[in-house]
C-alpha cells in the first residue's frame, strides 16, 4: 500500500489537473502525481520539470526509453519498470527491453546505446566513479549538448524514480511488480502496462 494517501484529481489544484491532463488519464497515468498533489507548488514544479525534459528532448525516443527502464531497474521503482510509453512503442519492443538485462552483450543495441546505458548505470549506482574516460566514450557518439541532455534525463529518472520507489505505490500494478522491497524486480520479467 502506498505510503502517502492519493488525492483524486478533483481535489488537485486546477492548474496541476490541466498540466497533467488528469481528467482524461487513468489512475496508473496519474501515478505519483496523486501523492505530490498534496503539495501543489511542488507537484507543479516536478511535473513541469519532467514535461520540459521530455518535450525538449533531441535524443532518440528509443534511447530515452531504454535509459528510463535501465535506471528504473537500479532504483527498483516498480511503477517505472511496469510502464511502457506508447510514444516509444514503435522503437522499443519487449525483446529489446529484455536486452537491458545485459546491455553490454546485447546484439540489438547500437554502440552509442551501450555507451549511454553504461553511463546511466554509473549515474544511477556510483556517480562518483564516472571518469573522464566515460565522457570520452560518450563524445565518440554524442555532441556535448546531447551529453547534457542524457545527464538531465538520468537525473530526472534517478530522482523521481527513487521518490516513487520510496512511496511504494505498487497496489495497482501487475502482480510481478508488487513484490516487497528486498526482492529484485526487473522490467524484462513481467507484462508491462502501456501508457499513452
Protein backbone atom coordinates (compact mmCIF):
# COMPACT_ATOMS: atom_id res chain seq x y z
CA UNK A 1 0.00 0.00 0.00
CA UNK A 2 1.32 3.45 -0.88
CA UNK A 3 2.97 5.27 2.00
CA UNK A 4 1.06 8.51 1.40
CA UNK A 5 -2.58 8.90 0.51
CA UNK A 6 -3.52 9.52 -3.09
CA UNK A 7 -5.67 12.55 -3.82
CA UNK A 8 -8.26 12.10 -6.55
CA UNK A 9 -7.86 14.62 -9.42
CA UNK A 10 -10.99 16.53 -8.42
CA UNK A 11 -9.10 17.60 -5.29
CA UNK A 12 -5.99 18.75 -7.19
CA UNK A 13 -5.03 22.31 -7.91
CA UNK A 14 -6.81 23.15 -11.21
CA UNK A 15 -3.56 24.14 -12.91
CA UNK A 16 -2.00 20.80 -11.96
CA UNK A 17 -5.02 18.95 -13.39
CA UNK A 18 -4.60 20.84 -16.65
CA UNK A 19 -0.82 20.28 -16.77
CA UNK A 20 -1.23 16.53 -16.37
CA UNK A 21 -4.48 16.09 -18.33
CA UNK A 22 -5.61 14.26 -15.20
CA UNK A 23 -9.28 14.28 -16.05
CA UNK A 24 -8.70 12.06 -19.09
CA UNK A 25 -5.97 9.92 -17.54
CA UNK A 26 -6.27 6.56 -15.82
CA UNK A 27 -5.12 6.16 -12.20
CA UNK A 28 -1.93 4.48 -13.47
CA UNK A 29 -1.19 7.50 -15.66
CA UNK A 30 -1.88 9.86 -12.75
CA UNK A 31 0.73 7.88 -10.83
CA UNK A 32 2.88 9.68 -8.30
CA UNK A 33 1.12 12.98 -9.01
CA UNK A 34 -1.77 11.75 -6.84
CA UNK A 35 0.55 11.99 -3.83
CA UNK A 36 2.53 15.03 -4.95
CA UNK A 37 -0.79 16.88 -5.37
CA UNK A 38 -0.89 17.33 -1.60
CA UNK A 39 1.82 19.98 -2.09
CA UNK A 40 0.53 21.74 -5.24
CA UNK A 41 3.51 24.04 -5.79
CA UNK A 42 5.95 21.12 -5.55
CA UNK A 43 3.73 18.95 -7.76
CA UNK A 44 3.55 21.62 -10.46
CA UNK A 45 7.31 22.14 -10.31
CA UNK A 46 8.01 18.39 -10.59
CA UNK A 47 5.52 17.91 -13.43
CA UNK A 48 6.86 20.99 -15.20
CA UNK A 49 10.44 19.75 -14.95
CA UNK A 50 9.52 16.30 -16.26
CA UNK A 51 7.46 17.74 -19.10
CA UNK A 52 10.19 20.19 -20.01
CA UNK A 53 12.79 17.45 -20.19
CA UNK A 54 10.51 15.16 -22.18
CA UNK A 55 9.15 17.75 -24.61
CA UNK A 56 12.52 19.35 -25.34
CA UNK A 57 14.45 16.17 -25.97
CA UNK A 58 16.51 15.73 -29.12
CA UNK A 59 17.86 12.26 -28.36
CA UNK A 60 16.00 9.34 -29.98
CA UNK A 61 12.87 8.12 -28.20
CA UNK A 62 14.30 4.60 -28.24
CA UNK A 63 17.39 5.64 -26.29
CA UNK A 64 15.37 7.68 -23.80
CA UNK A 65 13.02 4.76 -23.08
CA UNK A 66 15.95 2.35 -22.67
CA UNK A 67 17.63 4.76 -20.24
CA UNK A 68 14.39 5.20 -18.29
CA UNK A 69 13.87 1.47 -17.89
CA UNK A 70 17.50 0.71 -17.01
CA UNK A 71 17.58 3.42 -14.33
CA UNK A 72 14.21 2.19 -13.04
CA UNK A 73 15.80 -1.24 -12.53
CA UNK A 74 18.62 0.28 -10.47
CA UNK A 75 16.13 2.35 -8.45
CA UNK A 76 13.85 -0.68 -8.08
CA UNK A 77 11.00 1.65 -8.96
CA UNK A 78 8.26 -0.85 -9.66
CA UNK A 79 5.85 1.62 -11.25
CA UNK A 80 8.56 2.95 -13.60
CA UNK A 81 9.51 -0.58 -14.66
CA UNK A 82 5.89 -1.59 -15.24
CA UNK A 83 5.10 1.27 -17.61
CA UNK A 84 5.74 1.35 -21.36
CA UNK A 85 5.01 4.64 -23.04
CA UNK A 86 3.11 4.41 -26.31
CA UNK A 87 5.31 7.14 -27.80
CA UNK A 88 8.19 4.63 -27.69
CA UNK A 89 6.19 1.57 -28.75
CA UNK A 90 7.41 1.63 -32.36
CA UNK A 91 11.04 1.85 -31.24
CA UNK A 92 11.10 -0.39 -28.16
CA UNK A 93 9.52 -3.83 -28.06
CA UNK A 94 9.72 -6.32 -25.21
CA UNK A 95 12.57 -8.18 -26.91
CA UNK A 96 14.63 -5.01 -26.79
CA UNK A 97 13.63 -4.44 -23.15
CA UNK A 98 14.93 -7.96 -22.40
CA UNK A 99 18.32 -6.92 -23.78
CA UNK A 100 18.59 -4.49 -20.85
CA UNK A 101 19.37 -7.43 -18.58
CA UNK A 102 22.91 -7.45 -20.01
CA UNK A 103 23.13 -4.41 -22.27
CA UNK A 104 26.86 -4.71 -22.86
CA UNK A 105 26.25 -8.09 -24.55
CA UNK A 106 23.06 -7.21 -26.44
CA UNK A 107 23.37 -7.58 -30.22
CA UNK A 108 20.33 -5.36 -30.84
CA UNK A 109 21.80 -2.30 -29.10
CA UNK A 110 23.98 0.14 -31.01
CA UNK A 111 27.45 1.11 -29.73
CA UNK A 112 26.03 4.57 -28.84
CA UNK A 113 23.19 2.99 -26.84
CA UNK A 114 25.61 0.70 -25.00
CA UNK A 115 27.85 3.64 -24.04
CA UNK A 116 24.85 5.70 -22.90
CA UNK A 117 23.45 2.80 -20.87
CA UNK A 118 26.84 2.15 -19.23
CA UNK A 119 26.95 5.85 -18.31
CA UNK A 120 23.38 5.66 -16.93
CA UNK A 121 24.32 2.58 -14.89
CA UNK A 122 27.14 4.52 -13.22
CA UNK A 123 24.99 7.64 -12.83
CA UNK A 124 22.34 5.59 -11.00
CA UNK A 125 24.63 3.40 -8.89
CA UNK A 126 28.04 5.02 -8.38
CA UNK A 127 28.06 8.53 -9.86
CA UNK A 128 31.39 9.50 -8.30
CA UNK A 129 33.10 6.75 -10.30
CA UNK A 130 32.27 8.46 -13.60
CA UNK A 131 35.65 9.28 -15.10
CA UNK A 132 36.96 11.46 -17.89
CA UNK A 133 37.27 8.27 -19.92
CA UNK A 134 33.50 7.72 -19.66
CA UNK A 135 32.95 11.22 -21.03
CA UNK A 136 35.43 10.50 -23.82
CA UNK A 137 33.43 7.37 -24.69
CA UNK A 138 30.23 9.43 -24.80
CA UNK A 139 31.88 12.04 -27.06
CA UNK A 140 32.55 9.33 -29.64
CA UNK A 141 28.77 9.12 -30.20
CA UNK A 142 27.18 12.27 -28.83
CA UNK A 143 27.69 16.04 -29.01
CA UNK A 144 28.23 17.90 -25.76
CA UNK A 145 24.65 19.21 -25.96
CA UNK A 146 23.43 15.62 -26.27
CA UNK A 147 25.58 14.57 -23.30
CA UNK A 148 23.96 17.32 -21.23
CA UNK A 149 20.54 16.08 -22.32
CA UNK A 150 21.48 12.49 -21.47
CA UNK A 151 22.61 13.57 -17.98
CA UNK A 152 19.43 15.57 -17.35
CA UNK A 153 17.31 12.55 -18.33
CA UNK A 154 19.38 10.40 -15.96
CA UNK A 155 18.91 12.95 -13.17
CA UNK A 156 15.13 13.01 -13.75
CA UNK A 157 14.86 9.22 -13.72
CA UNK A 158 17.13 8.69 -10.72
CA UNK A 159 15.44 11.37 -8.62
CA UNK A 160 11.79 10.81 -9.47
CA UNK A 161 12.23 7.05 -9.66
CA UNK A 162 13.66 6.92 -6.18
CA UNK A 163 10.86 9.14 -4.93
CA UNK A 164 8.29 6.81 -6.48
CA UNK A 165 10.06 3.74 -5.06
CA UNK A 166 10.13 5.21 -1.55
CA UNK A 167 6.38 5.88 -1.80
CA UNK A 168 5.86 2.16 -2.63
CA UNK A 169 2.91 2.82 -4.93
CA UNK A 170 2.53 -0.66 -6.35
CA UNK A 171 -1.00 -1.79 -5.49
CA UNK A 172 -2.35 -1.03 -8.99
CA UNK A 173 0.50 -2.71 -10.85
CA UNK A 174 0.57 -6.21 -12.35
CA UNK A 175 1.36 -8.90 -9.80
CA UNK A 176 5.04 -9.34 -10.69
CA UNK A 177 5.75 -5.68 -9.90
CA UNK A 178 4.19 -5.81 -6.43
CA UNK A 179 6.97 -7.80 -4.78
CA UNK A 180 8.23 -6.40 -1.48
CA UNK A 181 11.44 -4.43 -1.45
CA UNK A 182 14.38 -6.74 -0.95
CA UNK A 183 13.10 -8.92 -3.81
CA UNK A 184 14.55 -7.75 -7.11
CA UNK A 185 12.09 -6.82 -9.83
CA UNK A 186 13.09 -6.26 -13.47
CA UNK A 187 11.40 -4.51 -16.39
CA UNK A 188 12.14 -7.55 -18.56
CA UNK A 189 10.33 -10.15 -16.47
CA UNK A 190 6.63 -9.34 -16.32
CA UNK A 191 3.89 -7.96 -18.54
CA UNK A 192 4.01 -4.16 -18.65
CA UNK A 193 1.29 -1.57 -18.63
CA UNK A 194 1.04 0.60 -21.74
CA UNK A 195 0.52 4.28 -21.07
CA UNK A 196 -0.25 6.89 -23.68
